[in-house]
Amino acid sequence: MTPAILALDAGTSNAKAVLCEVGTGAVMARAGVPLALQVLGPREVEQDAEHILSGLLAAAREACAAAAGCEVVAIALTNQRESVVAWERSTGRPLGPMLSWQDSRTSAELESWDPDARARVKQITGLTLDAMYSAPKMRWLLDQLPGSRSAGSDVVVGTLESWLIARLTGEAITESGNASRTLLMSLRAGDWDDELLNAFDIPRGSLPPVRPSNASFGVVQSEWGAPLAGVPIVAVLADSHAALFAHSTGAEGIAKATLGTGTSVMVALPRLDTPREGIDVTVAWWLDHPTYALEGNIVSTGQAIDWVANLLDPAAARPGGLVVAELAATVDDSSGVTFVPAFTGLGAPHWDRGATALVSGMTAGSKAAHLARAALESVGHQVADVVEAMVQNGSADVAELRVDGGGSSSDLLLQVHADVVGMPVVRVREPELSAIGAARLASVVLGSDPGPAVGDTVVDPGWTPERRAHERRIWPREVARARMRIEEI
């Protein structure tokens, strides 16, 4: 029997399972199950945590059935970040919906925090005070459960991976990289911070304890059956962190952009630096010691492309990315059309939840293809905003951009990134790179490192410096329009 690591990826749109050979990291089998997302309003986005778990179990069984002759010796877990579940400690039963990382129903409440309080949050956690992060969602969920803050309460609240671990093993544990995304963990201490727990009114007893990324996360209980029962969970990484681990183990100068529903742009830091405005600092992973990273989170990228695809071809049976890329390829540029996809506001480096989506520059000669091209360029411009902010604040020196995720399959989108960002772009085509990164860490825990993922495509910038400078002057003007309040018009 070939020893294998079962990597489980609890994503936003899919639950995936990837079987990797111990030592070599070779993929032996993979499977996925689509997940539903409930968009209840402009700021309310929920998912069913039990549906995510059942999707993971189904994907795991399918992948293992396809890989005859393998023995699962360890489980690695990776997950969508910032999403929050409240559950009964005694049963593991969720006490309501999971609030998605995309949910921003608490944004109005956060606007009341004064600048000093915001600065204090940034100083302790490295994060910008924003509704994307977990603590405001945790407080909201606890507010819906009378008695949840009382002594001896059976209510636990945590990020998705902590609930999955609790359901599978019976013990709730939070991994440090995920904990660093909550607005509640001290970057330096690697533990919940009492000052912030008080500020958000979240009892320490309601939270699972924080553990390193390579801690012992328990053994899957027998009730879950094959192929998980009796297997230890030896590695846990948040999805964007796992993708960075797959690309490298902290090499300087390499930034990665995971192109999904939103986009995470991340580069490892040589040391913990003072957090700067616009760009956040996070724990990438914590092994013998923490590895930190600069990160900029873009709220809408794949979502923006899907929106344009549905607008232009609502009856299409093909994926939205394919619809948009095919249309965009029929023109050389956007002919002056600009699209700022601020459907739920803007993330890094602007952090403006009051911004609204905007299409501008259209004329009587504008075509559907020009809007499609503008959609692709909006992704490139948002990534360029983050990369430039990382470099300009002096914390990072970015020489190469690596891309992964669903959007990276588009050759045209790769070229757009190289043109707009103005540096070589390397694609790692592996579609389950977060799972591969988690499996790589599990392999390291077991005593061998298969090494980083290898890029299969390098795309150099095609725009002249003059063209890029022109396009990059237009973009911030349109972003400023999207951020304009009614009272300013």
Protein backbone atom coordinates (compact mmCIF):
# COMPACT_ATOMS: atom_id res chain seq x y z
CA MET A 1 0.00 0.00 0.00
CA THR A 2 1.28 3.45 -0.94
CA PRO A 3 1.14 5.87 2.01
CA ALA A 4 -0.86 8.97 1.13
CA ILE A 5 -1.91 12.30 2.60
CA LEU A 6 -5.57 13.24 2.21
CA ALA A 7 -5.79 17.02 1.76
CA LEU A 8 -9.25 18.46 2.40
CA ASP A 9 -10.02 21.94 1.03
CA ALA A 10 -13.15 23.64 2.39
CA GLY A 11 -13.47 26.44 -0.14
CA THR A 12 -16.21 28.93 -0.90
CA SER A 13 -17.58 27.41 -4.11
CA ASN A 14 -16.24 23.85 -3.84
CA ALA A 15 -15.28 21.22 -1.27
CA LYS A 16 -12.25 19.36 -2.59
CA ALA A 17 -10.16 16.34 -1.68
CA VAL A 18 -6.70 15.63 -3.08
CA LEU A 19 -4.68 12.48 -2.39
CA CYS A 20 -0.93 13.08 -2.45
CA GLU A 21 1.83 10.51 -2.12
CA VAL A 22 3.90 10.99 1.01
CA GLY A 23 7.39 12.26 0.20
CA THR A 24 6.98 12.97 -3.53
CA GLY A 25 3.80 15.02 -3.27
CA ALA A 26 2.53 13.37 -6.47
CA VAL A 27 -1.23 13.70 -6.89
CA MET A 28 -2.83 10.26 -6.90
CA ALA A 29 -6.48 11.29 -7.15
CA ARG A 30 -8.72 14.30 -6.67
CA ALA A 31 -12.45 15.04 -6.39
CA GLY A 32 -14.70 18.01 -5.75
CA VAL A 33 -18.27 18.82 -4.74
CA PRO A 34 -19.88 22.21 -5.52
CA LEU A 35 -21.09 24.28 -2.58
CA ALA A 36 -24.05 26.63 -2.37
CA LEU A 37 -23.73 30.26 -1.30
CA GLN A 38 -26.74 32.18 -0.02
CA VAL A 39 -26.66 35.87 -0.90
CA LEU A 40 -29.53 37.24 1.17
CA GLY A 41 -28.90 40.91 0.55
CA PRO A 42 -26.22 43.36 -0.59
CA ARG A 43 -24.16 42.68 2.55
CA GLU A 44 -25.48 39.35 3.83
CA VAL A 45 -23.72 36.21 2.60
CA GLU A 46 -24.13 32.85 4.33
CA GLN A 47 -23.31 29.17 3.88
CA ASP A 48 -24.38 25.92 5.53
CA ALA A 49 -21.44 24.54 7.52
CA GLU A 50 -22.88 21.03 7.55
CA HIS A 51 -23.15 21.14 3.75
CA ILE A 52 -19.46 22.03 3.56
CA LEU A 53 -18.57 19.08 5.81
CA SER A 54 -20.74 16.64 3.84
CA GLY A 55 -19.12 17.92 0.64
CA LEU A 56 -15.66 17.27 2.05
CA LEU A 57 -16.62 13.76 3.11
CA ALA A 58 -18.12 12.96 -0.30
CA ALA A 59 -15.05 14.32 -2.09
CA ALA A 60 -12.74 12.34 0.20
CA ARG A 61 -14.55 9.07 -0.46
CA GLU A 62 -14.58 9.67 -4.21
CA ALA A 63 -10.87 10.50 -4.34
CA CYS A 64 -9.90 7.48 -2.23
CA ALA A 65 -12.08 5.16 -4.31
CA ALA A 66 -10.23 6.34 -7.41
CA ALA A 67 -6.79 5.60 -5.92
CA ALA A 68 -6.64 1.87 -5.41
CA GLY A 69 -3.68 0.65 -3.42
CA CYS A 70 -3.17 3.76 -1.29
CA GLU A 71 -3.35 4.04 2.49
CA VAL A 72 -4.33 7.37 4.05
CA VAL A 73 -1.84 7.96 6.87
CA ALA A 74 -2.47 11.65 7.55
CA ILE A 75 -5.00 14.39 6.86
CA ALA A 76 -4.19 17.98 5.92
CA LEU A 77 -6.90 20.64 6.12
CA THR A 78 -7.19 23.98 4.35
CA ASN A 79 -10.16 26.33 4.39
CA GLN A 80 -11.75 29.58 3.38
CA ARG A 81 -10.72 32.20 5.89
CA GLU A 82 -12.62 34.64 8.12
CA SER A 83 -15.91 32.71 7.80
CA VAL A 84 -17.48 32.08 11.21
CA VAL A 85 -19.59 29.33 12.80
CA ALA A 86 -21.27 29.21 16.21
CA TRP A 87 -21.98 25.74 17.58
CA GLU A 88 -22.84 23.65 20.63
CA ARG A 89 -19.71 22.42 22.34
CA SER A 90 -21.42 19.23 23.51
CA THR A 91 -22.79 18.14 20.12
CA GLY A 92 -20.96 20.14 17.45
CA ARG A 93 -24.33 21.23 16.05
CA PRO A 94 -24.19 24.64 14.30
CA LEU A 95 -26.41 27.24 15.96
CA GLY A 96 -27.33 29.05 12.80
CA PRO A 97 -25.73 29.79 9.43
CA MET A 98 -22.05 30.24 8.79
CA LEU A 99 -21.33 33.89 8.04
CA SER A 100 -19.15 33.98 4.93
CA TRP A 101 -15.94 35.96 4.67
CA GLN A 102 -17.85 37.98 2.06
CA ASP A 103 -20.52 38.96 4.60
CA SER A 104 -20.26 42.63 5.58
CA ARG A 105 -23.48 43.17 7.54
CA THR A 106 -21.42 44.58 10.43
CA SER A 107 -19.70 47.30 8.39
CA ALA A 108 -22.00 50.12 9.56
CA GLU A 109 -21.32 49.22 13.19
CA LEU A 110 -17.56 49.35 12.65
CA GLU A 111 -17.79 52.87 11.23
CA SER A 112 -18.39 54.15 14.77
CA TRP A 113 -14.91 53.10 15.94
CA ASP A 114 -12.66 56.12 16.41
CA PRO A 115 -9.25 56.47 14.74
CA ASP A 116 -7.32 55.66 17.92
CA ALA A 117 -9.22 52.39 18.38
CA ARG A 118 -8.65 51.48 14.74
CA ALA A 119 -4.94 52.18 15.08
CA ARG A 120 -4.79 50.03 18.22
CA VAL A 121 -6.42 47.09 16.40
CA LYS A 122 -3.89 47.44 13.59
CA GLN A 123 -0.99 47.63 16.05
CA ILE A 124 -1.96 44.40 17.84
CA THR A 125 -3.28 42.30 14.96
CA GLY A 126 -1.68 43.76 11.83
CA LEU A 127 -5.16 43.99 10.29
CA THR A 128 -7.37 46.83 9.10
CA LEU A 129 -10.64 47.06 11.02
CA ASP A 130 -13.06 45.72 8.42
CA ALA A 131 -16.22 43.63 8.31
CA MET A 132 -14.47 40.96 6.22
CA TYR A 133 -12.58 39.77 9.30
CA SER A 134 -14.06 37.40 11.85
CA ALA A 135 -14.49 39.24 15.16
CA PRO A 136 -17.47 41.41 14.12
CA LYS A 137 -19.19 38.31 12.72
CA MET A 138 -18.47 36.42 15.95
CA ARG A 139 -20.01 39.19 18.02
CA TRP A 140 -23.06 39.27 15.72
CA LEU A 141 -23.61 35.52 16.07
CA LEU A 142 -23.23 35.63 19.87
CA ASP A 143 -25.74 38.50 19.98
CA GLN A 144 -28.30 36.21 18.32
CA LEU A 145 -27.87 33.52 21.02
CA PRO A 146 -29.21 34.56 24.45
CA GLY A 147 -26.98 33.39 27.29
CA SER A 148 -24.08 32.59 24.97
CA ARG A 149 -21.74 34.84 26.96
CA SER A 150 -22.65 33.51 30.38
CA ALA A 151 -20.28 31.39 32.45
CA GLY A 152 -20.53 27.73 31.57
CA SER A 153 -22.22 28.42 28.23
CA ASP A 154 -22.18 25.51 25.77
CA VAL A 155 -21.70 27.91 22.84
CA VAL A 156 -18.44 27.97 20.89
CA VAL A 157 -17.71 30.43 18.10
CA GLY A 158 -14.81 30.09 15.71
CA THR A 159 -13.51 30.12 12.18
CA LEU A 160 -14.49 27.33 9.80
CA GLU A 161 -11.45 25.11 10.34
CA SER A 162 -11.99 25.06 14.10
CA TRP A 163 -15.57 23.82 13.65
CA LEU A 164 -14.48 21.19 11.11
CA ILE A 165 -11.80 19.93 13.51
CA ALA A 166 -14.33 19.86 16.36
CA ARG A 167 -16.85 17.89 14.29
CA LEU A 168 -14.28 15.40 13.04
CA THR A 169 -12.22 14.86 16.20
CA GLY A 170 -14.39 16.08 19.07
CA GLU A 171 -11.88 18.78 20.08
CA ALA A 172 -12.13 22.42 18.97
CA ILE A 173 -8.77 23.92 17.98
CA THR A 174 -7.95 27.04 15.96
CA GLU A 175 -4.86 27.13 13.73
CA SER A 176 -2.69 30.23 14.22
CA GLY A 177 -2.86 31.52 10.64
CA ASN A 178 -6.65 31.40 10.71
CA ALA A 179 -6.67 32.95 14.18
CA SER A 180 -4.56 35.82 12.86
CA ARG A 181 -7.46 36.71 10.52
CA THR A 182 -9.99 37.29 13.29
CA LEU A 183 -8.96 40.74 14.67
CA LEU A 184 -8.55 38.98 18.02
CA MET A 185 -5.03 37.48 17.97
CA SER A 186 -1.83 39.25 18.91
CA LEU A 187 0.68 38.79 16.09
CA ARG A 188 3.60 38.69 18.48
CA ALA A 189 2.08 36.48 21.18
CA GLY A 190 0.27 34.10 18.83
CA ASP A 191 -2.71 33.98 21.19
CA TRP A 192 -6.03 35.69 21.81
CA ASP A 193 -5.57 39.25 23.09
CA ASP A 194 -7.62 40.20 26.17
CA GLU A 195 -7.89 43.86 25.17
CA LEU A 196 -9.48 42.94 21.85
CA LEU A 197 -11.69 40.24 23.36
CA ASN A 198 -13.12 42.93 25.63
CA ALA A 199 -13.49 45.40 22.78
CA PHE A 200 -15.53 42.95 20.72
CA ASP A 201 -17.32 41.46 23.76
CA ILE A 202 -16.22 37.90 23.01
CA PRO A 203 -15.48 35.71 26.06
CA ARG A 204 -12.20 33.81 25.86
CA GLY A 205 -14.07 30.68 26.92
CA SER A 206 -16.19 30.89 23.76
CA LEU A 207 -13.13 30.52 21.53
CA PRO A 208 -11.08 27.41 20.76
CA PRO A 209 -7.41 27.54 21.83
CA VAL A 210 -4.83 28.63 19.24
CA ARG A 211 -2.27 26.07 18.06
CA PRO A 212 0.62 26.09 15.53
CA SER A 213 0.00 25.01 11.93
CA ASN A 214 1.80 21.70 12.47
CA ALA A 215 0.23 20.87 15.84
CA SER A 216 -1.49 17.60 16.56
CA PHE A 217 -5.11 18.40 15.70
CA GLY A 218 -6.53 15.10 16.87
CA VAL A 219 -7.69 11.86 15.26
CA VAL A 220 -10.87 11.57 13.21
CA GLN A 221 -13.52 9.72 15.22
CA SER A 222 -14.82 6.33 14.15
CA GLU A 223 -18.34 7.59 13.43
CA TRP A 224 -17.12 9.19 10.19
CA GLY A 225 -16.09 5.86 8.68
CA ALA A 226 -13.53 5.20 5.96
CA PRO A 227 -11.34 6.74 4.68
CA LEU A 228 -11.09 9.33 7.50
CA ALA A 229 -11.79 7.39 10.69
CA GLY A 230 -8.72 6.82 12.85
CA VAL A 231 -6.50 9.09 10.75
CA PRO A 232 -4.68 12.02 12.46
CA ILE A 233 -5.01 15.62 11.25
CA VAL A 234 -1.36 16.71 11.20
CA ALA A 235 -1.41 20.03 9.31
CA VAL A 236 -3.85 22.93 8.96
CA LEU A 237 -3.40 26.06 6.84
CA ALA A 238 -5.81 28.75 5.70
CA ASP A 239 -6.31 28.56 1.93
CA SER A 240 -4.29 31.60 0.83
CA HIS A 241 -1.53 30.70 3.28
CA ALA A 242 -1.47 27.14 1.95
CA ALA A 243 -1.12 28.46 -1.61
CA LEU A 244 1.86 30.58 -0.52
CA PHE A 245 3.38 27.53 1.20
CA ALA A 246 2.96 25.58 -2.04
CA HIS A 247 4.72 28.31 -4.01
CA SER A 248 7.58 28.67 -1.52
CA THR A 249 8.37 28.43 2.17
CA GLY A 250 8.85 32.12 2.63
CA ALA A 251 11.21 33.09 -0.21
CA GLU A 252 11.62 36.86 -0.42
CA GLY A 253 10.64 38.77 -3.55
CA ILE A 254 7.95 36.29 -4.64
CA ALA A 255 4.38 37.52 -4.36
CA LYS A 256 1.46 35.24 -5.10
CA ALA A 257 -2.05 36.13 -6.18
CA THR A 258 -4.75 33.51 -5.71
CA LEU A 259 -7.44 34.41 -8.24
CA GLY A 260 -10.75 33.15 -6.90
CA THR A 261 -14.07 34.75 -5.96
CA GLY A 262 -11.88 37.42 -4.43
CA THR A 263 -8.11 37.64 -4.62
CA SER A 264 -5.44 37.33 -1.95
CA VAL A 265 -2.10 38.91 -2.80
CA MET A 266 0.57 37.80 -0.35
CA VAL A 267 4.34 38.00 0.07
CA ALA A 268 6.37 36.56 2.95
CA LEU A 269 8.15 38.98 5.27
CA PRO A 270 11.75 38.48 6.40
CA ARG A 271 10.70 39.79 9.83
CA LEU A 272 7.65 41.20 11.56
CA ASP A 273 7.33 44.80 10.47
CA THR A 274 5.22 47.69 11.69
CA PRO A 275 1.82 47.39 9.98
CA ARG A 276 1.23 50.08 7.34
CA GLU A 277 -1.97 51.64 6.07
CA GLY A 278 -3.78 49.80 3.29
CA ILE A 279 -1.81 46.54 3.52
CA ASP A 280 -2.19 44.06 6.34
CA VAL A 281 0.24 41.76 8.13
CA THR A 282 -0.77 38.20 8.91
CA VAL A 283 0.68 34.96 10.22
CA ALA A 284 1.33 32.89 7.10
CA TRP A 285 2.08 29.78 9.15
CA TRP A 286 3.49 28.95 12.57
CA LEU A 287 5.85 25.98 12.78
CA ASP A 288 8.79 26.17 15.20
CA HIS A 289 8.39 29.92 14.88
CA PRO A 290 6.00 32.22 13.01
CA THR A 291 6.41 33.20 9.37
CA TYR A 292 4.67 36.49 8.68
CA ALA A 293 3.37 37.88 5.40
CA LEU A 294 2.12 41.11 3.91
CA GLU A 295 -1.31 40.67 2.39
CA GLY A 296 -3.84 42.67 0.44
CA ASN A 297 -7.35 41.24 0.10
CA ILE A 298 -9.38 42.16 -2.97
CA VAL A 299 -13.07 41.62 -2.39
CA SER A 300 -14.32 41.09 -5.95
CA THR A 301 -12.40 39.53 -8.84
CA GLY A 302 -13.93 36.26 -10.02
CA GLN A 303 -17.25 37.59 -8.78
CA ALA A 304 -16.80 40.63 -11.05
CA ILE A 305 -16.06 38.48 -14.08
CA ASP A 306 -19.08 36.25 -13.40
CA TRP A 307 -21.30 39.33 -13.03
CA VAL A 308 -20.19 40.69 -16.41
CA ALA A 309 -20.63 37.26 -18.01
CA ASN A 310 -24.18 37.00 -16.68
CA LEU A 311 -24.93 40.51 -17.91
CA LEU A 312 -23.58 39.89 -21.41
CA ASP A 313 -24.72 36.30 -21.91
CA PRO A 314 -27.24 35.27 -19.22
CA ALA A 315 -28.18 32.06 -21.03
CA ALA A 316 -24.60 30.79 -21.36
CA ALA A 317 -23.99 27.28 -20.08
CA ARG A 318 -20.22 27.84 -20.00
CA PRO A 319 -18.27 29.22 -17.01
CA GLY A 320 -18.35 33.00 -16.69
CA GLY A 321 -14.58 33.29 -16.99
CA LEU A 322 -14.65 31.57 -20.36
CA VAL A 323 -17.48 33.77 -21.65
CA VAL A 324 -15.66 36.95 -20.67
CA ALA A 325 -12.22 35.82 -21.90
CA GLU A 326 -13.56 34.82 -25.32
CA LEU A 327 -15.32 38.15 -25.78
CA ALA A 328 -12.36 40.16 -24.48
CA ALA A 329 -9.98 38.41 -26.89
CA THR A 330 -11.83 39.89 -29.86
CA VAL A 331 -10.60 43.42 -29.08
CA ASP A 332 -7.15 44.83 -28.39
CA ASP A 333 -8.20 47.02 -25.46
CA SER A 334 -11.22 48.26 -23.55
CA SER A 335 -11.56 51.37 -25.75
CA GLY A 336 -11.70 53.61 -22.70
CA VAL A 337 -14.23 51.54 -20.73
CA THR A 338 -13.35 51.11 -17.05
CA PHE A 339 -15.07 48.78 -14.58
CA VAL A 340 -14.62 49.18 -10.81
CA PRO A 341 -16.31 46.10 -9.23
CA ALA A 342 -17.05 47.53 -5.79
CA PHE A 343 -20.19 45.44 -5.22
CA THR A 344 -19.64 45.31 -1.46
CA GLY A 345 -17.14 48.14 -1.34
CA LEU A 346 -13.40 47.97 -1.90
CA GLY A 347 -10.80 45.98 -0.01
CA ALA A 348 -7.05 46.59 0.04
CA PRO A 349 -5.47 49.05 -0.25
CA HIS A 350 -8.52 51.37 -0.15
CA TRP A 351 -10.64 49.62 2.52
CA ASP A 352 -13.78 51.56 1.66
CA ARG A 353 -16.98 49.59 2.21
CA GLY A 354 -18.99 52.61 1.09
CA ALA A 355 -17.66 52.48 -2.47
CA THR A 356 -20.10 51.40 -5.18
CA ALA A 357 -19.60 49.50 -8.43
CA LEU A 358 -18.99 51.67 -11.48
CA VAL A 359 -18.79 51.29 -15.26
CA SER A 360 -17.47 54.40 -16.97
CA GLY A 361 -16.03 55.62 -20.26
CA MET A 362 -18.72 54.05 -22.44
CA THR A 363 -19.68 55.66 -25.75
CA ALA A 364 -22.07 54.79 -28.57
CA GLY A 365 -19.21 52.79 -30.04
CA SER A 366 -18.64 50.66 -26.95
CA LYS A 367 -19.25 46.94 -27.44
CA ALA A 368 -19.83 44.01 -25.16
CA ALA A 369 -16.25 42.95 -25.82
CA HIS A 370 -14.95 46.25 -24.42
CA LEU A 371 -16.80 45.68 -21.15
CA ALA A 372 -15.45 42.12 -21.04
CA ARG A 373 -11.93 43.46 -21.53
CA ALA A 374 -12.51 46.06 -18.81
CA ALA A 375 -13.60 43.27 -16.44
CA LEU A 376 -10.31 41.42 -16.93
CA GLU A 377 -8.32 44.65 -16.59
CA SER A 378 -10.17 45.47 -13.34
CA VAL A 379 -8.64 42.33 -11.81
CA GLY A 380 -5.16 43.33 -12.99
CA HIS A 381 -5.54 46.88 -11.73
CA GLN A 382 -6.67 45.77 -8.27
CA VAL A 383 -3.72 43.37 -7.99
CA ALA A 384 -1.39 46.14 -9.19
CA ASP A 385 -2.79 48.49 -6.51
CA VAL A 386 -1.89 45.96 -3.82
CA VAL A 387 1.57 45.11 -5.19
CA GLU A 388 2.47 48.80 -5.53
CA ALA A 389 1.28 49.49 -1.98
CA MET A 390 3.44 46.63 -0.69
CA VAL A 391 6.52 48.00 -2.43
CA GLN A 392 5.87 51.66 -1.70
CA ASN A 393 5.56 51.17 2.04
CA GLY A 394 9.07 49.71 2.07
CA SER A 395 8.17 46.38 3.63
CA ALA A 396 8.64 44.17 0.59
CA ASP A 397 10.62 43.97 -2.62
CA VAL A 398 8.47 42.18 -5.19
CA ALA A 399 10.29 40.98 -8.29
CA GLU A 400 7.95 38.23 -9.51
CA LEU A 401 4.22 37.61 -9.31
CA ARG A 402 2.98 34.01 -9.17
CA VAL A 403 -0.68 33.31 -9.82
CA ASP A 404 -2.91 30.38 -8.98
CA GLY A 405 -6.60 29.73 -8.53
CA GLY A 406 -9.41 29.33 -11.02
CA GLY A 407 -8.74 32.61 -12.84
CA SER A 408 -5.15 31.64 -13.61
CA SER A 409 -6.33 29.20 -16.30
CA SER A 410 -6.99 32.14 -18.64
CA ASP A 411 -3.94 32.99 -20.78
CA LEU A 412 -5.45 36.40 -21.53
CA LEU A 413 -5.94 37.20 -17.84
CA LEU A 414 -2.30 36.26 -17.24
CA GLN A 415 -1.20 38.66 -19.96
CA VAL A 416 -3.41 41.38 -18.54
CA HIS A 417 -1.75 40.91 -15.15
CA ALA A 418 1.74 41.12 -16.63
CA ASP A 419 0.79 44.26 -18.57
CA VAL A 420 -0.96 46.09 -15.74
CA VAL A 421 1.32 45.05 -12.87
CA GLY A 422 4.40 45.57 -15.04
CA MET A 423 6.40 42.49 -14.08
CA PRO A 424 6.74 38.84 -15.13
CA VAL A 425 3.84 36.60 -14.13
CA VAL A 426 4.39 32.90 -13.43
CA ARG A 427 1.44 30.54 -13.49
CA VAL A 428 1.21 27.40 -11.43
CA ARG A 429 -1.52 25.55 -13.27
CA GLU A 430 -2.32 23.14 -10.42
CA PRO A 431 -6.04 23.85 -9.78
CA GLU A 432 -5.98 22.71 -6.16
CA LEU A 433 -2.90 24.58 -5.02
CA SER A 434 -4.24 25.29 -1.52
CA ALA A 435 -4.78 21.56 -0.98
CA ILE A 436 -1.32 20.88 -2.41
CA GLY A 437 0.20 23.40 0.01
CA ALA A 438 -1.54 21.83 3.00
CA ALA A 439 -0.42 18.39 1.84
CA ARG A 440 3.13 19.68 1.49
CA LEU A 441 3.11 20.85 5.10
CA ALA A 442 1.72 17.48 6.20
CA SER A 443 4.53 15.77 4.32
CA VAL A 444 7.05 17.99 6.12
CA VAL A 445 5.46 16.97 9.44
CA LEU A 446 5.90 13.34 8.42
CA GLY A 447 9.59 13.92 7.72
CA SER A 448 9.92 14.75 4.03
CA ASP A 449 9.43 17.84 1.85
CA PRO A 450 8.37 17.35 -1.79
CA GLY A 451 9.40 20.93 -2.56
CA PRO A 452 7.52 23.91 -4.00
CA ALA A 453 5.10 23.82 -6.91
CA VAL A 454 6.69 24.47 -10.30
CA GLY A 455 5.35 27.18 -12.61
CA ASP A 456 4.45 26.03 -16.10
CA THR A 457 4.04 29.40 -17.85
CA VAL A 458 5.95 32.69 -17.69
CA VAL A 459 4.32 35.77 -19.22
CA ASP A 460 6.28 39.00 -19.70
CA PRO A 461 4.67 42.45 -19.89
CA GLY A 462 3.55 43.45 -23.37
CA TRP A 463 2.61 47.07 -22.75
CA THR A 464 5.16 49.79 -23.26
CA PRO A 465 6.03 51.79 -20.13
CA GLU A 466 4.14 54.72 -21.64
CA ARG A 467 0.97 52.66 -22.19
CA ARG A 468 1.10 51.25 -18.70
CA ALA A 469 1.63 54.70 -17.17
CA HIS A 470 -1.39 56.00 -19.10
CA GLU A 471 -3.67 53.15 -18.02
CA ARG A 472 -2.52 53.37 -14.42
CA ARG A 473 -3.38 57.10 -14.38
CA ILE A 474 -6.95 56.43 -15.50
CA TRP A 475 -7.70 53.67 -12.98
CA PRO A 476 -7.29 55.69 -9.71
CA ARG A 477 -9.50 58.43 -11.14
CA GLU A 478 -12.33 55.94 -11.66
CA VAL A 479 -11.74 54.36 -8.24
CA ALA A 480 -12.14 57.86 -6.76
CA ARG A 481 -15.49 58.14 -8.56
CA ALA A 482 -16.60 54.80 -7.13
CA ARG A 483 -15.72 56.04 -3.65
CA MET A 484 -17.60 59.32 -4.02
CA ARG A 485 -20.46 59.74 -1.55
CA ILE A 486 -23.82 61.20 -2.58
CA GLU A 487 -23.24 64.20 -0.35
CA GLU A 488 -20.02 64.91 -2.28
CA ILE A 489 -21.75 65.07 -5.67
